[in-house]
């Protein structure tokens, strides 16, 4: 299998937001109850993290739509096989003309990361563009672990030659190029790595031959 040039075609496109990424100290009202304590918190798939964030976002804005869902790293945990210790989702509201970043973390990492769901500051939003469209959640059928498995199959030959490489990006998004949400999985760097595109609706490869 040939190496696919790693370009941010689907999910690394401009965030469509008018400003930079939001951060800031969340208020207690933006924090959902943390998961029940356990000896060893386990990494989770995208869907397990998404729905708690979805409900929190809809408490903020009933028309909130998700535009991006990304696996994030958390100190002390290893993301693997399509599961992550922390997930970040970008939600935007057309009525409020604002967007917010929400995170779901399996553990706290003071002072900035809280366990459970945390909402960032609301920021100005210029509206949907063809390069960053609202994800159709009715077609979000393929979870991150299944997408990772499919992407790993596509990258099998490349991974044999580069066994030390682990996924550098795992992200869900949607734009005008495809009629469904798309998983983007990248190994290595943009110059010499490998990228795989997997339909979040059907689980099929969208890589160009």
N, C-alpha and C. Protein backbone atom coordinates (compact mmCIF):
# COMPACT_ATOMS: atom_id res chain seq x y z
N UNK A 1 0.87 -1.20 0.00
CA UNK A 1 0.00 0.00 0.00
C UNK A 1 0.88 1.23 0.00
N UNK A 2 0.54 2.21 -0.81
CA UNK A 2 1.36 3.40 -0.87
C UNK A 2 1.03 4.33 0.28
N UNK A 3 1.98 5.17 0.63
CA UNK A 3 1.75 6.15 1.68
C UNK A 3 0.84 7.24 1.18
N UNK A 4 -0.11 7.61 2.00
CA UNK A 4 -1.05 8.67 1.63
C UNK A 4 -0.54 9.98 2.19
N UNK A 5 -0.38 11.01 1.37
CA UNK A 5 0.10 12.29 1.89
C UNK A 5 -0.81 12.76 3.00
N UNK A 6 -0.21 13.17 4.07
CA UNK A 6 -1.00 13.58 5.22
C UNK A 6 -1.35 15.05 5.09
N UNK A 7 -2.56 15.30 4.68
CA UNK A 7 -3.04 16.68 4.59
C UNK A 7 -4.29 16.79 5.42
N UNK A 8 -4.49 17.90 5.98
CA UNK A 8 -5.65 18.07 6.86
C UNK A 8 -6.92 18.25 6.07
N UNK A 9 -7.24 17.30 5.19
CA UNK A 9 -8.35 17.46 4.26
C UNK A 9 -9.66 17.59 4.96
N UNK A 10 -9.90 16.67 5.89
CA UNK A 10 -11.25 16.64 6.43
C UNK A 10 -11.32 17.26 7.80
N UNK A 11 -10.43 16.79 8.67
CA UNK A 11 -10.65 17.14 10.05
C UNK A 11 -9.66 18.14 10.61
N UNK A 12 -8.59 18.42 9.84
CA UNK A 12 -7.64 19.40 10.31
C UNK A 12 -7.83 20.72 9.56
N UNK A 13 -9.00 20.87 8.91
CA UNK A 13 -9.32 22.12 8.21
C UNK A 13 -9.51 23.22 9.23
N UNK A 14 -9.54 24.45 8.77
CA UNK A 14 -9.73 25.59 9.66
C UNK A 14 -10.95 25.38 10.51
N UNK A 15 -10.85 25.74 11.76
CA UNK A 15 -11.90 25.43 12.74
C UNK A 15 -13.17 26.18 12.45
N UNK A 16 -13.13 27.10 11.47
CA UNK A 16 -14.29 27.87 11.05
C UNK A 16 -14.68 28.91 12.08
N UNK A 17 -13.93 28.89 13.16
CA UNK A 17 -14.26 29.83 14.21
C UNK A 17 -13.59 31.18 13.94
N UNK A 18 -14.23 32.24 14.41
CA UNK A 18 -13.70 33.56 14.14
C UNK A 18 -12.48 33.86 15.01
N UNK A 19 -12.34 33.14 16.12
CA UNK A 19 -11.21 33.40 17.01
C UNK A 19 -10.36 32.19 17.19
N UNK A 20 -9.48 32.23 18.17
CA UNK A 20 -8.62 31.10 18.48
C UNK A 20 -9.38 30.12 19.33
N UNK A 21 -8.72 29.03 19.67
CA UNK A 21 -9.37 28.02 20.50
C UNK A 21 -9.69 28.60 21.87
N UNK A 22 -10.79 28.17 22.43
CA UNK A 22 -11.18 28.68 23.74
C UNK A 22 -10.51 27.89 24.83
N UNK A 23 -10.28 28.56 25.92
CA UNK A 23 -9.72 27.88 27.08
C UNK A 23 -10.30 28.57 28.29
N UNK A 24 -9.47 28.82 29.27
CA UNK A 24 -9.97 29.54 30.42
C UNK A 24 -10.43 28.61 31.51
N UNK A 25 -10.60 29.17 32.69
CA UNK A 25 -11.01 28.38 33.83
C UNK A 25 -12.51 28.18 33.79
N UNK A 26 -12.97 26.95 33.77
CA UNK A 26 -14.41 26.69 33.73
C UNK A 26 -15.05 26.97 35.07
N UNK A 27 -16.31 27.35 35.02
CA UNK A 27 -17.04 27.55 36.26
C UNK A 27 -17.57 26.22 36.74
N UNK A 28 -17.94 26.16 37.98
CA UNK A 28 -18.45 24.91 38.52
C UNK A 28 -19.72 24.48 37.81
N UNK A 29 -20.47 25.44 37.26
CA UNK A 29 -21.71 25.12 36.55
C UNK A 29 -21.43 24.38 35.26
N UNK A 30 -20.20 24.49 34.75
CA UNK A 30 -19.85 23.85 33.49
C UNK A 30 -19.26 22.47 33.69
N UNK A 31 -19.16 22.04 34.91
CA UNK A 31 -18.55 20.75 35.21
C UNK A 31 -19.60 19.75 35.61
N UNK A 32 -19.69 18.67 34.83
CA UNK A 32 -20.60 17.59 35.20
C UNK A 32 -19.97 16.80 36.33
N UNK A 33 -20.77 16.00 36.99
CA UNK A 33 -20.25 15.19 38.08
C UNK A 33 -19.18 14.25 37.56
N UNK A 34 -18.11 14.13 38.30
CA UNK A 34 -17.00 13.28 37.88
C UNK A 34 -17.42 11.81 37.97
N UNK A 35 -16.79 10.96 37.14
CA UNK A 35 -17.09 9.54 37.21
C UNK A 35 -16.78 8.98 38.60
N UNK A 36 -17.42 7.89 38.95
CA UNK A 36 -17.16 7.27 40.25
C UNK A 36 -15.69 6.86 40.33
N UNK A 37 -15.04 7.11 41.45
CA UNK A 37 -13.62 6.79 41.59
C UNK A 37 -13.36 5.31 41.34
N UNK A 38 -12.24 5.02 40.72
CA UNK A 38 -11.83 3.64 40.51
C UNK A 38 -10.33 3.57 40.66
N UNK A 39 -9.83 2.38 40.93
CA UNK A 39 -8.40 2.21 41.14
C UNK A 39 -7.62 2.61 39.89
N UNK A 40 -8.10 2.20 38.73
CA UNK A 40 -7.44 2.52 37.47
C UNK A 40 -8.48 2.95 36.44
N UNK A 41 -8.64 4.25 36.25
CA UNK A 41 -9.59 4.71 35.22
C UNK A 41 -9.20 4.15 33.86
N UNK A 42 -10.19 3.78 33.08
CA UNK A 42 -9.94 3.16 31.78
C UNK A 42 -10.21 4.16 30.64
N UNK A 43 -9.38 4.11 29.62
CA UNK A 43 -9.61 4.94 28.45
C UNK A 43 -10.94 4.55 27.82
N UNK A 44 -11.54 5.49 27.08
CA UNK A 44 -12.88 5.28 26.55
C UNK A 44 -12.93 5.60 25.06
N UNK A 45 -13.94 5.08 24.40
CA UNK A 45 -14.16 5.38 22.99
C UNK A 45 -14.80 6.75 22.84
N UNK A 46 -14.87 7.22 21.61
CA UNK A 46 -15.43 8.54 21.34
C UNK A 46 -16.88 8.65 21.76
N UNK A 47 -17.67 7.63 21.45
CA UNK A 47 -19.10 7.70 21.79
C UNK A 47 -19.34 7.76 23.28
N UNK A 48 -18.54 7.04 24.05
CA UNK A 48 -18.70 7.04 25.50
C UNK A 48 -18.47 8.44 26.06
N UNK A 49 -17.56 9.19 25.43
CA UNK A 49 -17.27 10.55 25.88
C UNK A 49 -18.19 11.58 25.25
N UNK A 50 -18.63 11.32 24.03
CA UNK A 50 -19.39 12.31 23.28
C UNK A 50 -20.74 12.63 23.90
N UNK A 51 -21.50 11.62 24.26
CA UNK A 51 -22.87 11.89 24.70
C UNK A 51 -22.96 12.69 25.99
N UNK A 52 -22.09 12.47 26.97
CA UNK A 52 -22.11 13.39 28.13
C UNK A 52 -21.79 14.83 27.72
N UNK A 53 -20.85 15.01 26.79
CA UNK A 53 -20.54 16.36 26.32
C UNK A 53 -21.72 16.94 25.55
N UNK A 54 -22.38 16.11 24.77
CA UNK A 54 -23.55 16.54 23.98
C UNK A 54 -24.64 17.09 24.89
N UNK A 55 -24.93 16.38 25.97
CA UNK A 55 -25.97 16.83 26.90
C UNK A 55 -25.56 18.13 27.60
N UNK A 56 -24.28 18.25 27.94
CA UNK A 56 -23.81 19.49 28.57
C UNK A 56 -23.91 20.65 27.59
N UNK A 57 -23.57 20.40 26.33
CA UNK A 57 -23.62 21.46 25.32
C UNK A 57 -25.06 21.90 25.08
N UNK A 58 -26.00 20.98 25.12
CA UNK A 58 -27.40 21.33 24.90
C UNK A 58 -28.01 22.02 26.11
N UNK A 59 -27.41 21.88 27.25
CA UNK A 59 -27.84 22.67 28.40
C UNK A 59 -27.41 24.12 28.23
N UNK A 60 -26.29 24.30 27.52
CA UNK A 60 -25.81 25.65 27.22
C UNK A 60 -26.63 26.28 26.09
N UNK A 61 -26.83 25.53 25.01
CA UNK A 61 -27.57 26.04 23.85
C UNK A 61 -28.35 24.88 23.23
N UNK A 62 -29.68 24.95 23.24
CA UNK A 62 -30.49 23.85 22.70
C UNK A 62 -30.20 23.50 21.25
N UNK A 63 -29.68 24.47 20.49
CA UNK A 63 -29.38 24.20 19.08
C UNK A 63 -27.91 23.87 18.85
N UNK A 64 -27.17 23.60 19.90
CA UNK A 64 -25.73 23.32 19.76
C UNK A 64 -25.49 22.14 18.83
N UNK A 65 -24.60 22.33 17.87
CA UNK A 65 -24.22 21.28 16.92
C UNK A 65 -22.73 21.02 17.06
N UNK A 66 -22.34 19.76 16.94
CA UNK A 66 -20.93 19.42 17.09
C UNK A 66 -20.23 19.52 15.74
N UNK A 67 -19.03 20.10 15.74
CA UNK A 67 -18.27 20.28 14.53
C UNK A 67 -16.97 19.47 14.51
N UNK A 68 -16.52 19.04 15.64
CA UNK A 68 -15.27 18.30 15.69
C UNK A 68 -15.22 17.48 16.98
N UNK A 69 -14.65 16.29 16.88
CA UNK A 69 -14.48 15.42 18.04
C UNK A 69 -13.07 14.83 17.94
N UNK A 70 -12.24 15.10 18.96
CA UNK A 70 -10.82 14.79 18.87
C UNK A 70 -10.31 14.06 20.11
N UNK A 71 -9.51 13.03 19.89
CA UNK A 71 -8.85 12.33 20.99
C UNK A 71 -7.70 13.19 21.50
N UNK A 72 -7.59 13.31 22.82
CA UNK A 72 -6.53 14.10 23.43
C UNK A 72 -5.72 13.24 24.40
N UNK A 73 -4.51 13.67 24.64
CA UNK A 73 -3.64 12.95 25.57
C UNK A 73 -3.84 13.45 27.00
N UNK A 74 -3.58 12.58 27.95
CA UNK A 74 -3.67 12.93 29.36
C UNK A 74 -2.50 12.27 30.07
N UNK A 75 -1.75 13.04 30.81
CA UNK A 75 -0.57 12.53 31.49
C UNK A 75 -0.90 11.32 32.35
N UNK A 76 -0.09 10.27 32.23
CA UNK A 76 -0.28 9.07 33.01
C UNK A 76 -1.10 8.00 32.32
N UNK A 77 -1.63 8.31 31.13
CA UNK A 77 -2.45 7.35 30.39
C UNK A 77 -1.96 7.24 28.94
N UNK A 78 -2.20 6.09 28.35
CA UNK A 78 -1.80 5.85 26.97
C UNK A 78 -3.02 5.62 26.10
N UNK A 79 -3.18 6.45 25.10
CA UNK A 79 -4.28 6.26 24.14
C UNK A 79 -3.90 5.13 23.19
N UNK A 80 -4.83 4.21 22.95
CA UNK A 80 -4.52 3.08 22.08
C UNK A 80 -5.81 2.47 21.57
N UNK A 81 -5.71 1.87 20.39
CA UNK A 81 -6.82 1.11 19.80
C UNK A 81 -8.11 1.92 19.69
N UNK A 82 -7.97 3.21 19.43
CA UNK A 82 -9.15 4.05 19.25
C UNK A 82 -9.78 4.54 20.52
N UNK A 83 -9.14 4.31 21.65
CA UNK A 83 -9.65 4.79 22.93
C UNK A 83 -8.69 5.85 23.47
N UNK A 84 -9.24 6.80 24.22
CA UNK A 84 -8.43 7.90 24.74
C UNK A 84 -8.82 8.22 26.17
N UNK A 85 -7.88 8.84 26.88
CA UNK A 85 -8.15 9.25 28.26
C UNK A 85 -8.95 10.55 28.30
N UNK A 86 -8.86 11.30 27.22
CA UNK A 86 -9.61 12.56 27.17
C UNK A 86 -10.06 12.81 25.73
N UNK A 87 -11.28 13.34 25.58
CA UNK A 87 -11.83 13.71 24.28
C UNK A 87 -12.27 15.16 24.34
N UNK A 88 -12.11 15.85 23.22
CA UNK A 88 -12.54 17.24 23.12
C UNK A 88 -13.54 17.37 21.98
N UNK A 89 -14.63 18.08 22.22
CA UNK A 89 -15.63 18.33 21.19
C UNK A 89 -15.87 19.83 21.06
N UNK A 90 -16.01 20.28 19.82
CA UNK A 90 -16.32 21.68 19.55
C UNK A 90 -17.79 21.77 19.16
N UNK A 91 -18.56 22.53 19.94
CA UNK A 91 -19.98 22.74 19.67
C UNK A 91 -20.20 24.22 19.33
N UNK A 92 -21.12 24.46 18.41
CA UNK A 92 -21.45 25.84 18.03
C UNK A 92 -22.95 26.04 18.00
N UNK A 93 -23.37 27.25 18.33
CA UNK A 93 -24.78 27.61 18.34
C UNK A 93 -25.04 28.71 17.31
N UNK A 94 -25.93 28.43 16.36
CA UNK A 94 -26.26 29.42 15.33
C UNK A 94 -27.05 30.59 15.91
N UNK A 95 -27.87 30.33 16.91
CA UNK A 95 -28.67 31.41 17.49
C UNK A 95 -27.82 32.34 18.36
N UNK A 96 -26.83 31.77 19.04
CA UNK A 96 -25.97 32.58 19.89
C UNK A 96 -24.77 33.15 19.15
N UNK A 97 -24.48 32.58 17.95
CA UNK A 97 -23.29 32.97 17.18
C UNK A 97 -22.03 32.76 18.02
N UNK A 98 -22.01 31.63 18.73
CA UNK A 98 -20.88 31.31 19.60
C UNK A 98 -20.52 29.83 19.48
N UNK A 99 -19.30 29.53 19.87
CA UNK A 99 -18.89 28.13 19.98
C UNK A 99 -18.19 27.91 21.31
N UNK A 100 -18.16 26.66 21.74
CA UNK A 100 -17.47 26.30 22.98
C UNK A 100 -16.78 24.96 22.81
N UNK A 101 -15.63 24.83 23.43
CA UNK A 101 -14.95 23.54 23.51
C UNK A 101 -15.40 22.83 24.79
N UNK A 102 -15.78 21.58 24.66
CA UNK A 102 -16.11 20.74 25.81
C UNK A 102 -15.13 19.58 25.85
N UNK A 103 -14.74 19.19 27.04
CA UNK A 103 -13.86 18.03 27.19
C UNK A 103 -14.49 17.01 28.12
N UNK A 104 -14.12 15.77 27.88
CA UNK A 104 -14.48 14.68 28.77
C UNK A 104 -13.19 13.97 29.14
N UNK A 105 -12.88 13.90 30.42
CA UNK A 105 -11.64 13.29 30.89
C UNK A 105 -11.96 12.19 31.90
N UNK A 106 -11.21 11.10 31.81
CA UNK A 106 -11.44 9.99 32.74
C UNK A 106 -10.80 10.25 34.10
N UNK A 107 -9.94 11.28 34.17
CA UNK A 107 -9.26 11.59 35.43
C UNK A 107 -8.90 13.07 35.45
N UNK A 108 -8.63 13.58 36.63
CA UNK A 108 -8.24 14.98 36.77
C UNK A 108 -6.72 15.12 36.62
N UNK A 109 -6.31 16.24 36.07
CA UNK A 109 -4.89 16.57 35.96
C UNK A 109 -4.76 18.05 36.28
N UNK A 110 -4.80 18.39 37.59
CA UNK A 110 -4.78 19.79 38.01
C UNK A 110 -3.56 20.53 37.43
N UNK A 111 -3.69 21.83 37.16
CA UNK A 111 -4.85 22.66 37.53
C UNK A 111 -5.85 22.88 36.40
N UNK A 112 -5.61 22.35 35.21
CA UNK A 112 -6.46 22.70 34.08
C UNK A 112 -7.45 21.63 33.66
N UNK A 113 -7.19 20.38 34.00
CA UNK A 113 -8.05 19.29 33.54
C UNK A 113 -8.87 18.72 34.69
N UNK A 114 -10.18 18.63 34.48
CA UNK A 114 -11.10 18.10 35.47
C UNK A 114 -11.64 16.76 35.00
N UNK A 115 -11.96 15.89 35.93
CA UNK A 115 -12.58 14.62 35.58
C UNK A 115 -14.04 14.87 35.19
N UNK A 116 -14.51 14.13 34.21
CA UNK A 116 -15.87 14.30 33.75
C UNK A 116 -15.93 15.32 32.62
N UNK A 117 -17.06 16.02 32.51
CA UNK A 117 -17.27 16.98 31.43
C UNK A 117 -16.97 18.40 31.90
N UNK A 118 -16.23 19.12 31.09
CA UNK A 118 -15.90 20.51 31.37
C UNK A 118 -16.18 21.35 30.13
N UNK A 119 -16.82 22.48 30.31
CA UNK A 119 -17.09 23.39 29.21
C UNK A 119 -16.18 24.60 29.26
N UNK A 120 -15.58 24.96 28.12
CA UNK A 120 -14.73 26.13 28.04
C UNK A 120 -15.54 27.40 27.86
N UNK A 121 -14.84 28.49 27.68
CA UNK A 121 -15.50 29.78 27.50
C UNK A 121 -16.18 29.85 26.14
N UNK A 122 -17.31 30.54 26.07
CA UNK A 122 -17.99 30.76 24.79
C UNK A 122 -17.24 31.82 24.01
N UNK A 123 -17.06 31.55 22.71
CA UNK A 123 -16.32 32.45 21.84
C UNK A 123 -17.16 32.81 20.62
N UNK A 124 -16.88 33.96 19.99
CA UNK A 124 -17.64 34.35 18.79
C UNK A 124 -17.47 33.32 17.67
N UNK A 125 -18.53 33.11 16.92
CA UNK A 125 -18.53 32.12 15.83
C UNK A 125 -19.13 32.75 14.59
N UNK A 126 -18.42 32.58 13.46
CA UNK A 126 -18.85 33.20 12.23
C UNK A 126 -19.80 32.36 11.39
N UNK A 127 -20.10 31.16 11.82
CA UNK A 127 -21.03 30.31 11.07
C UNK A 127 -20.35 29.17 10.34
N UNK A 128 -21.15 28.24 9.90
CA UNK A 128 -20.68 27.05 9.21
C UNK A 128 -20.07 27.41 7.85
N UNK A 129 -19.03 26.68 7.47
CA UNK A 129 -18.42 26.83 6.15
C UNK A 129 -18.37 25.47 5.49
N UNK A 130 -18.04 25.43 4.22
CA UNK A 130 -18.01 24.15 3.52
C UNK A 130 -16.86 23.27 4.00
N UNK A 131 -15.84 23.87 4.61
CA UNK A 131 -14.71 23.09 5.10
C UNK A 131 -14.90 22.62 6.54
N UNK A 132 -15.87 23.12 7.20
CA UNK A 132 -16.16 22.70 8.58
C UNK A 132 -17.65 22.77 8.78
N UNK A 133 -18.29 21.63 8.64
CA UNK A 133 -19.75 21.54 8.71
C UNK A 133 -20.17 20.79 9.96
N UNK A 134 -21.38 21.03 10.39
CA UNK A 134 -21.90 20.32 11.56
C UNK A 134 -21.95 18.82 11.27
N UNK A 135 -21.49 18.04 12.23
CA UNK A 135 -21.50 16.58 12.09
C UNK A 135 -22.93 16.07 12.21
N UNK A 136 -23.33 15.26 11.25
CA UNK A 136 -24.66 14.64 11.28
C UNK A 136 -24.59 13.46 12.26
N UNK A 137 -25.08 13.69 13.49
CA UNK A 137 -24.95 12.66 14.52
C UNK A 137 -25.80 11.43 14.22
N UNK A 138 -26.81 11.56 13.34
CA UNK A 138 -27.61 10.40 12.97
C UNK A 138 -26.80 9.42 12.13
N UNK A 139 -25.66 9.89 11.60
CA UNK A 139 -24.79 9.04 10.79
C UNK A 139 -23.47 8.75 11.51
N UNK A 140 -23.43 9.06 12.78
CA UNK A 140 -22.27 8.73 13.61
C UNK A 140 -22.47 7.32 14.14
N UNK A 141 -22.26 6.35 13.25
CA UNK A 141 -22.52 4.94 13.58
C UNK A 141 -21.26 4.17 13.97
N UNK A 142 -20.13 4.60 13.49
CA UNK A 142 -18.88 3.88 13.70
C UNK A 142 -18.09 4.56 14.81
N UNK A 143 -17.88 3.84 15.89
CA UNK A 143 -17.16 4.40 17.03
C UNK A 143 -15.66 4.44 16.73
N UNK A 144 -14.93 5.14 17.58
CA UNK A 144 -13.50 5.37 17.34
C UNK A 144 -12.67 4.09 17.34
N UNK A 145 -13.04 3.10 18.14
CA UNK A 145 -12.25 1.86 18.16
C UNK A 145 -12.41 1.10 16.84
N UNK A 146 -13.62 1.09 16.28
CA UNK A 146 -13.84 0.44 15.00
C UNK A 146 -13.16 1.20 13.88
N UNK A 147 -13.18 2.53 13.96
CA UNK A 147 -12.50 3.35 12.95
C UNK A 147 -11.00 3.12 13.00
N UNK A 148 -10.46 3.05 14.20
CA UNK A 148 -9.02 2.82 14.36
C UNK A 148 -8.63 1.46 13.79
N UNK A 149 -9.46 0.46 14.01
CA UNK A 149 -9.17 -0.88 13.48
C UNK A 149 -9.17 -0.86 11.96
N UNK A 150 -10.16 -0.19 11.37
CA UNK A 150 -10.23 -0.11 9.92
C UNK A 150 -9.03 0.67 9.36
N UNK A 151 -8.68 1.77 10.03
CA UNK A 151 -7.54 2.57 9.58
C UNK A 151 -6.23 1.79 9.70
N UNK A 152 -6.10 1.02 10.76
CA UNK A 152 -4.89 0.22 10.95
C UNK A 152 -4.74 -0.82 9.86
N UNK A 153 -5.86 -1.36 9.39
CA UNK A 153 -5.82 -2.31 8.29
C UNK A 153 -5.33 -1.64 7.01
N UNK A 154 -5.79 -0.41 6.78
CA UNK A 154 -5.35 0.35 5.61
C UNK A 154 -3.86 0.66 5.69
N UNK A 155 -3.39 0.93 6.90
CA UNK A 155 -2.00 1.33 7.10
C UNK A 155 -1.07 0.17 7.38
N UNK A 156 -1.55 -1.06 7.26
CA UNK A 156 -0.78 -2.24 7.68
C UNK A 156 0.62 -2.30 7.09
N UNK A 157 0.73 -2.11 5.78
CA UNK A 157 2.05 -2.20 5.14
C UNK A 157 2.97 -1.09 5.64
N UNK A 158 2.44 0.10 5.77
CA UNK A 158 3.26 1.22 6.25
C UNK A 158 3.69 1.01 7.69
N UNK A 159 2.79 0.48 8.50
CA UNK A 159 3.10 0.25 9.91
C UNK A 159 4.16 -0.83 10.09
N UNK A 160 4.20 -1.80 9.17
CA UNK A 160 5.24 -2.83 9.23
C UNK A 160 6.62 -2.22 9.05
N UNK A 161 6.67 -1.19 8.21
CA UNK A 161 7.94 -0.52 7.96
C UNK A 161 8.25 0.53 9.02
N UNK A 162 7.23 0.92 9.76
CA UNK A 162 7.39 1.96 10.79
C UNK A 162 6.71 1.51 12.08
N UNK A 163 7.17 0.41 12.66
CA UNK A 163 6.48 -0.19 13.82
C UNK A 163 6.48 0.69 15.07
N UNK A 164 7.37 1.66 15.11
CA UNK A 164 7.46 2.51 16.30
C UNK A 164 6.41 3.61 16.31
N UNK A 165 5.71 3.78 15.21
CA UNK A 165 4.77 4.88 15.11
C UNK A 165 3.42 4.54 15.74
N UNK A 166 2.92 5.46 16.52
CA UNK A 166 1.58 5.33 17.09
C UNK A 166 0.72 6.45 16.51
N UNK A 167 -0.60 6.32 16.55
CA UNK A 167 -1.45 7.36 15.97
C UNK A 167 -1.17 8.73 16.58
N UNK A 168 -0.95 9.70 15.70
CA UNK A 168 -0.69 11.06 16.15
C UNK A 168 -1.97 11.90 16.14
N UNK A 169 -2.99 11.40 15.45
CA UNK A 169 -4.26 12.13 15.39
C UNK A 169 -5.40 11.15 15.19
N UNK A 170 -6.47 11.40 15.91
CA UNK A 170 -7.71 10.62 15.76
C UNK A 170 -8.84 11.62 15.94
N UNK A 171 -9.55 11.91 14.83
CA UNK A 171 -10.50 13.01 14.86
C UNK A 171 -11.68 12.74 13.94
N UNK A 172 -12.85 13.21 14.37
CA UNK A 172 -14.07 13.08 13.59
C UNK A 172 -14.53 14.46 13.15
N UNK A 173 -14.90 14.57 11.87
CA UNK A 173 -15.39 15.85 11.36
C UNK A 173 -16.18 15.63 10.08
N UNK A 174 -16.64 16.73 9.50
CA UNK A 174 -17.42 16.62 8.28
C UNK A 174 -17.21 17.88 7.44
N UNK A 175 -17.09 17.70 6.10
CA UNK A 175 -17.04 18.84 5.21
C UNK A 175 -17.67 18.48 3.88
N UNK A 176 -17.59 19.40 2.93
CA UNK A 176 -18.32 19.24 1.68
C UNK A 176 -17.81 18.09 0.81
N UNK A 177 -16.61 17.60 1.05
CA UNK A 177 -16.03 16.58 0.18
C UNK A 177 -16.71 15.22 0.32
N UNK A 178 -17.33 14.98 1.47
CA UNK A 178 -17.95 13.69 1.72
C UNK A 178 -19.37 13.91 2.25
N UNK A 179 -20.28 13.00 1.93
CA UNK A 179 -21.68 13.17 2.36
C UNK A 179 -21.94 12.67 3.78
N UNK A 180 -20.91 12.20 4.46
CA UNK A 180 -21.08 11.67 5.80
C UNK A 180 -19.94 12.13 6.71
N UNK A 181 -20.07 11.97 8.02
CA UNK A 181 -18.96 12.27 8.92
C UNK A 181 -17.79 11.34 8.63
N UNK A 182 -16.58 11.81 8.84
CA UNK A 182 -15.39 11.05 8.48
C UNK A 182 -14.41 11.02 9.65
N UNK A 183 -13.89 9.83 9.90
CA UNK A 183 -12.81 9.67 10.85
C UNK A 183 -11.48 9.88 10.14
N UNK A 184 -10.60 10.64 10.77
CA UNK A 184 -9.26 10.91 10.25
C UNK A 184 -8.26 10.31 11.24
N UNK A 185 -7.43 9.39 10.77
CA UNK A 185 -6.42 8.76 11.64
C UNK A 185 -5.06 8.98 10.99
N UNK A 186 -4.15 9.55 11.73
CA UNK A 186 -2.81 9.85 11.21
C UNK A 186 -1.74 9.22 12.09
N UNK A 187 -0.78 8.58 11.43
CA UNK A 187 0.42 8.09 12.10
C UNK A 187 1.60 8.94 11.64
N UNK A 188 2.54 9.19 12.54
CA UNK A 188 3.73 9.94 12.16
C UNK A 188 3.41 11.41 11.94
N UNK A 189 4.28 12.06 11.15
CA UNK A 189 4.09 13.50 10.92
C UNK A 189 3.51 13.75 9.54
N UNK A 190 3.27 15.03 9.26
CA UNK A 190 2.62 15.40 8.00
C UNK A 190 3.51 15.15 6.79
N UNK A 191 4.82 15.18 6.99
CA UNK A 191 5.74 15.04 5.87
C UNK A 191 5.90 13.60 5.42
N UNK A 192 6.03 12.69 6.35
CA UNK A 192 6.34 11.31 5.97
C UNK A 192 5.44 10.28 6.65
N UNK A 193 4.34 10.72 7.21
CA UNK A 193 3.45 9.80 7.90
C UNK A 193 2.42 9.16 6.99
N UNK A 194 1.40 8.61 7.60
CA UNK A 194 0.33 7.94 6.86
C UNK A 194 -1.00 8.41 7.43
N UNK A 195 -1.95 8.70 6.55
CA UNK A 195 -3.27 9.13 6.99
C UNK A 195 -4.33 8.23 6.39
N UNK A 196 -5.31 7.90 7.18
CA UNK A 196 -6.43 7.07 6.71
C UNK A 196 -7.73 7.79 7.00
N UNK A 197 -8.66 7.71 6.04
CA UNK A 197 -9.99 8.29 6.18
C UNK A 197 -11.00 7.16 6.20
N UNK A 198 -11.85 7.16 7.22
CA UNK A 198 -12.84 6.10 7.39
C UNK A 198 -14.21 6.72 7.60
N UNK A 199 -15.19 6.24 6.85
CA UNK A 199 -16.55 6.75 7.00
C UNK A 199 -17.08 6.43 8.39
N UNK A 200 -17.61 7.43 9.07
CA UNK A 200 -18.22 7.21 10.38
C UNK A 200 -19.63 6.67 10.25
N UNK A 201 -20.12 6.60 9.02
CA UNK A 201 -21.45 6.05 8.76
C UNK A 201 -21.38 4.56 8.46
N UNK A 202 -20.47 4.18 7.56
CA UNK A 202 -20.40 2.79 7.10
C UNK A 202 -19.17 2.03 7.57
N UNK A 203 -18.12 2.75 7.99
CA UNK A 203 -16.89 2.11 8.38
C UNK A 203 -15.97 1.79 7.21
N UNK A 204 -16.36 2.20 6.00
CA UNK A 204 -15.56 1.90 4.81
C UNK A 204 -14.46 2.94 4.62
N UNK A 205 -13.39 2.49 3.93
CA UNK A 205 -12.29 3.38 3.64
C UNK A 205 -12.70 4.44 2.63
N UNK A 206 -12.23 5.67 2.84
CA UNK A 206 -12.46 6.76 1.92
C UNK A 206 -11.16 7.22 1.29
N UNK A 207 -10.09 6.46 1.53
CA UNK A 207 -8.80 6.83 0.95
C UNK A 207 -8.84 6.71 -0.57
N UNK A 208 -8.25 7.68 -1.23
CA UNK A 208 -8.16 7.62 -2.67
C UNK A 208 -7.05 6.66 -3.08
N UNK A 209 -7.33 5.84 -4.07
CA UNK A 209 -6.35 4.85 -4.52
C UNK A 209 -5.27 5.52 -5.36
